N, C-alpha and C. Protein backbone atom coordinates (compact mmCIF):
# COMPACT_ATOMS: atom_id res chain seq x y z
N MET A 1 85.60 31.41 132.83
CA MET A 1 85.36 30.01 132.57
C MET A 1 84.13 29.62 133.61
N LYS A 2 83.19 28.80 133.12
CA LYS A 2 82.08 28.45 133.80
C LYS A 2 81.82 26.93 133.91
N LEU A 3 81.34 26.47 135.00
CA LEU A 3 81.07 25.14 135.13
C LEU A 3 79.50 24.92 135.40
N LEU A 4 78.75 24.37 134.48
CA LEU A 4 77.33 24.24 134.66
C LEU A 4 76.86 22.86 134.67
N LYS A 5 75.70 22.56 135.20
CA LYS A 5 75.13 21.34 134.95
C LYS A 5 74.76 21.04 133.50
N CYS A 6 74.98 19.82 133.05
CA CYS A 6 74.82 19.51 131.65
C CYS A 6 73.23 19.33 131.34
N LYS A 7 72.74 20.12 130.36
CA LYS A 7 71.31 20.06 130.14
C LYS A 7 70.89 18.78 129.27
N TYR A 8 71.89 18.32 128.66
CA TYR A 8 71.67 17.20 127.70
C TYR A 8 72.21 15.90 128.07
N ARG A 9 71.64 14.75 127.68
CA ARG A 9 72.12 13.39 128.01
C ARG A 9 73.20 13.15 126.78
N ILE A 10 74.34 13.42 127.25
CA ILE A 10 75.62 13.22 126.45
C ILE A 10 76.70 12.47 127.13
N LYS A 11 77.51 11.92 126.44
CA LYS A 11 78.57 11.00 126.94
C LYS A 11 79.72 11.95 127.51
N CYS A 12 80.46 11.50 128.53
CA CYS A 12 81.62 12.18 128.95
C CYS A 12 82.66 12.17 127.85
N GLU A 13 83.34 13.32 127.71
CA GLU A 13 84.40 13.51 126.56
C GLU A 13 85.70 13.24 127.08
N MET A 14 85.92 12.69 128.14
CA MET A 14 87.20 12.46 128.83
C MET A 14 87.67 11.08 128.34
N GLY A 15 88.45 10.90 127.37
CA GLY A 15 89.06 9.63 126.99
C GLY A 15 87.89 8.55 126.60
N ALA A 16 88.04 7.40 127.10
CA ALA A 16 87.15 6.32 126.76
C ALA A 16 86.18 6.15 128.04
N CYS A 17 85.86 7.14 128.75
CA CYS A 17 84.98 7.02 129.90
C CYS A 17 83.62 6.37 129.58
N GLY A 18 82.81 7.05 128.83
CA GLY A 18 81.63 6.64 128.39
C GLY A 18 80.43 6.87 129.38
N ASN A 19 80.65 7.35 130.52
CA ASN A 19 79.58 7.66 131.44
C ASN A 19 78.82 8.92 130.82
N VAL A 20 77.56 9.07 131.40
CA VAL A 20 76.89 10.17 131.11
C VAL A 20 77.37 11.49 131.70
N ALA A 21 77.63 12.52 130.99
CA ALA A 21 78.14 13.78 131.45
C ALA A 21 77.25 14.50 132.38
N LYS A 22 77.59 14.94 133.44
CA LYS A 22 76.69 15.60 134.39
C LYS A 22 77.09 17.21 134.31
N TYR A 23 78.29 17.51 133.84
CA TYR A 23 78.70 18.93 133.88
C TYR A 23 79.22 19.40 132.66
N SER A 24 79.14 20.54 132.32
CA SER A 24 79.69 21.30 131.12
C SER A 24 80.56 22.26 131.43
N ILE A 25 81.80 22.37 130.86
CA ILE A 25 82.79 23.35 131.17
C ILE A 25 82.78 24.22 129.89
N PHE A 26 82.54 25.49 130.22
CA PHE A 26 82.53 26.58 129.17
C PHE A 26 83.75 27.58 129.35
N PRO A 27 84.71 27.33 128.44
CA PRO A 27 85.85 28.33 128.52
C PRO A 27 85.53 29.75 128.20
N SER A 28 86.12 30.71 128.76
CA SER A 28 85.70 31.99 128.30
C SER A 28 86.38 32.35 126.96
N ARG A 29 85.69 33.31 126.34
CA ARG A 29 86.20 33.82 125.00
C ARG A 29 86.26 32.81 124.02
N THR A 30 85.45 31.78 123.97
CA THR A 30 85.47 30.74 122.95
C THR A 30 84.08 30.43 122.50
N GLY A 31 83.83 29.79 121.49
CA GLY A 31 82.60 29.48 121.02
C GLY A 31 82.08 28.32 121.68
N SER A 32 80.70 27.95 121.33
CA SER A 32 80.05 26.86 121.85
C SER A 32 80.70 25.48 121.56
N GLN A 33 81.55 25.53 120.45
CA GLN A 33 82.15 24.22 120.04
C GLN A 33 83.34 23.80 121.03
N SER A 34 83.62 24.72 121.98
CA SER A 34 84.75 24.53 122.87
C SER A 34 84.29 23.85 124.18
N THR A 35 83.05 23.73 124.32
CA THR A 35 82.47 23.25 125.58
C THR A 35 82.97 21.82 125.77
N LEU A 36 83.39 21.44 127.06
CA LEU A 36 83.83 20.09 127.46
C LEU A 36 82.73 19.46 128.34
N HIS A 37 82.22 18.36 127.97
CA HIS A 37 81.27 17.71 128.84
C HIS A 37 81.95 16.61 129.58
N VAL A 38 81.89 16.55 130.96
CA VAL A 38 82.45 15.56 131.81
C VAL A 38 81.49 14.99 132.80
N CYS A 39 81.76 13.73 133.11
CA CYS A 39 80.91 13.08 134.22
C CYS A 39 81.39 13.49 135.49
N GLU A 40 80.75 13.17 136.60
CA GLU A 40 81.12 13.54 137.92
C GLU A 40 82.42 12.88 138.29
N ASN A 41 82.68 11.71 137.91
CA ASN A 41 83.84 10.93 138.23
C ASN A 41 85.16 11.59 137.64
N CYS A 42 84.97 11.88 136.41
CA CYS A 42 86.20 12.47 135.71
C CYS A 42 86.44 13.91 136.27
N LEU A 43 85.39 14.71 136.53
CA LEU A 43 85.58 16.08 137.15
C LEU A 43 86.34 16.01 138.47
N GLU A 44 85.92 14.96 139.28
CA GLU A 44 86.49 14.74 140.56
C GLU A 44 88.04 14.40 140.46
N GLU A 45 88.14 13.54 139.46
CA GLU A 45 89.67 13.08 139.31
C GLU A 45 90.53 14.36 138.74
N LEU A 46 89.86 15.17 137.85
CA LEU A 46 90.62 16.31 137.32
C LEU A 46 90.90 17.31 138.51
N THR A 47 89.86 17.47 139.36
CA THR A 47 90.00 18.37 140.45
C THR A 47 91.13 17.84 141.36
N ASP A 48 91.24 16.59 141.68
CA ASP A 48 92.33 16.00 142.55
C ASP A 48 93.64 16.15 141.95
N LEU A 49 93.81 15.96 140.58
CA LEU A 49 95.06 16.17 140.04
C LEU A 49 95.48 17.59 140.06
N PHE A 50 94.50 18.54 139.80
CA PHE A 50 94.84 19.90 139.79
C PHE A 50 95.23 20.35 141.29
N MET A 51 94.54 19.84 142.21
CA MET A 51 94.90 20.28 143.60
C MET A 51 96.49 19.75 143.97
N LYS A 52 96.60 18.47 143.62
CA LYS A 52 97.97 17.94 143.81
C LYS A 52 98.98 18.79 143.10
N GLU A 53 98.86 19.16 141.91
CA GLU A 53 99.72 19.92 141.21
C GLU A 53 99.99 21.23 141.78
N LYS A 54 98.88 21.82 142.31
CA LYS A 54 98.99 23.21 143.02
C LYS A 54 99.70 23.21 144.24
N VAL A 55 99.45 22.00 144.99
CA VAL A 55 100.07 21.89 146.31
C VAL A 55 101.61 21.71 146.09
N ALA A 56 101.80 20.91 145.06
CA ALA A 56 103.32 20.59 144.75
C ALA A 56 104.12 21.91 144.32
N LYS A 57 103.38 22.67 143.54
CA LYS A 57 104.09 24.02 143.18
C LYS A 57 104.26 24.83 144.37
N LYS A 58 103.28 24.89 145.27
CA LYS A 58 103.36 25.83 146.53
C LYS A 58 104.51 25.36 147.23
N GLU A 59 104.63 24.03 147.62
CA GLU A 59 105.60 23.55 148.48
C GLU A 59 107.00 23.79 147.83
N LYS A 60 107.06 23.60 146.57
CA LYS A 60 108.42 23.92 145.83
C LYS A 60 108.72 25.38 146.07
N ALA A 61 107.78 26.22 145.95
CA ALA A 61 108.10 27.80 146.00
C ALA A 61 108.40 27.96 147.41
N GLU A 62 107.84 27.42 148.48
CA GLU A 62 108.07 27.62 149.79
C GLU A 62 109.60 27.29 150.26
N LYS A 63 109.95 26.09 149.58
CA LYS A 63 111.31 25.50 149.70
C LYS A 63 112.21 26.45 149.23
N LYS A 64 111.95 27.00 148.11
CA LYS A 64 112.89 27.97 147.45
C LYS A 64 112.95 29.19 148.12
N ASP A 65 111.82 29.67 148.72
CA ASP A 65 111.90 30.94 149.67
C ASP A 65 112.71 30.64 150.77
N LYS A 66 112.73 29.48 151.46
CA LYS A 66 113.45 29.19 152.66
C LYS A 66 114.92 29.06 152.34
N VAL A 67 115.28 28.50 151.22
CA VAL A 67 116.70 28.58 150.76
C VAL A 67 117.20 29.93 150.51
N THR A 68 116.41 30.78 149.94
CA THR A 68 116.73 32.20 149.57
C THR A 68 116.97 32.97 150.78
N LYS A 69 116.07 32.86 151.84
CA LYS A 69 116.16 33.44 153.15
C LYS A 69 117.41 33.04 153.85
N LYS A 70 117.75 31.61 153.81
CA LYS A 70 119.06 31.26 154.50
C LYS A 70 120.20 31.81 153.82
N ASP A 71 120.28 31.88 152.50
CA ASP A 71 121.39 32.55 151.84
C ASP A 71 121.51 33.99 152.14
N LYS A 72 120.50 34.60 152.30
CA LYS A 72 120.42 36.08 152.57
C LYS A 72 121.07 36.26 154.11
N GLY A 73 120.59 35.38 154.98
CA GLY A 73 121.00 35.39 156.27
C GLY A 73 122.53 35.04 156.32
N ALA A 74 122.96 34.16 155.64
CA ALA A 74 124.33 33.78 155.70
C ALA A 74 125.25 34.93 155.04
N LYS A 75 124.78 35.68 153.99
CA LYS A 75 125.48 36.79 153.55
C LYS A 75 125.44 38.02 154.49
N ASP A 76 124.47 38.13 155.30
CA ASP A 76 124.35 39.30 156.20
C ASP A 76 125.31 39.02 157.37
N GLU A 77 125.53 37.71 157.78
CA GLU A 77 126.47 37.33 158.85
C GLU A 77 127.92 37.61 158.46
N LYS A 78 128.14 37.29 157.11
CA LYS A 78 129.59 37.49 156.69
C LYS A 78 130.02 39.00 156.55
N GLU A 79 129.04 39.82 156.41
CA GLU A 79 129.39 41.22 156.34
C GLU A 79 129.52 41.77 157.73
């Protein structure tokens, strides 16, 4: 996947935004029709949403690992 500066004056394709797109997202292994043009504000919002989701998943995995380690420690003590 590539993120490039938009060469053309085109509207942002994120919902009803209507701002001028500054970036074009090119997914890999797809044709040129799959390009998504986004403005700077929408790209920033997408990035923030992605990071929040990624952090939430990481925290959930860390909590799960802690519980698993506690369970293993309790089983070892019983033996």
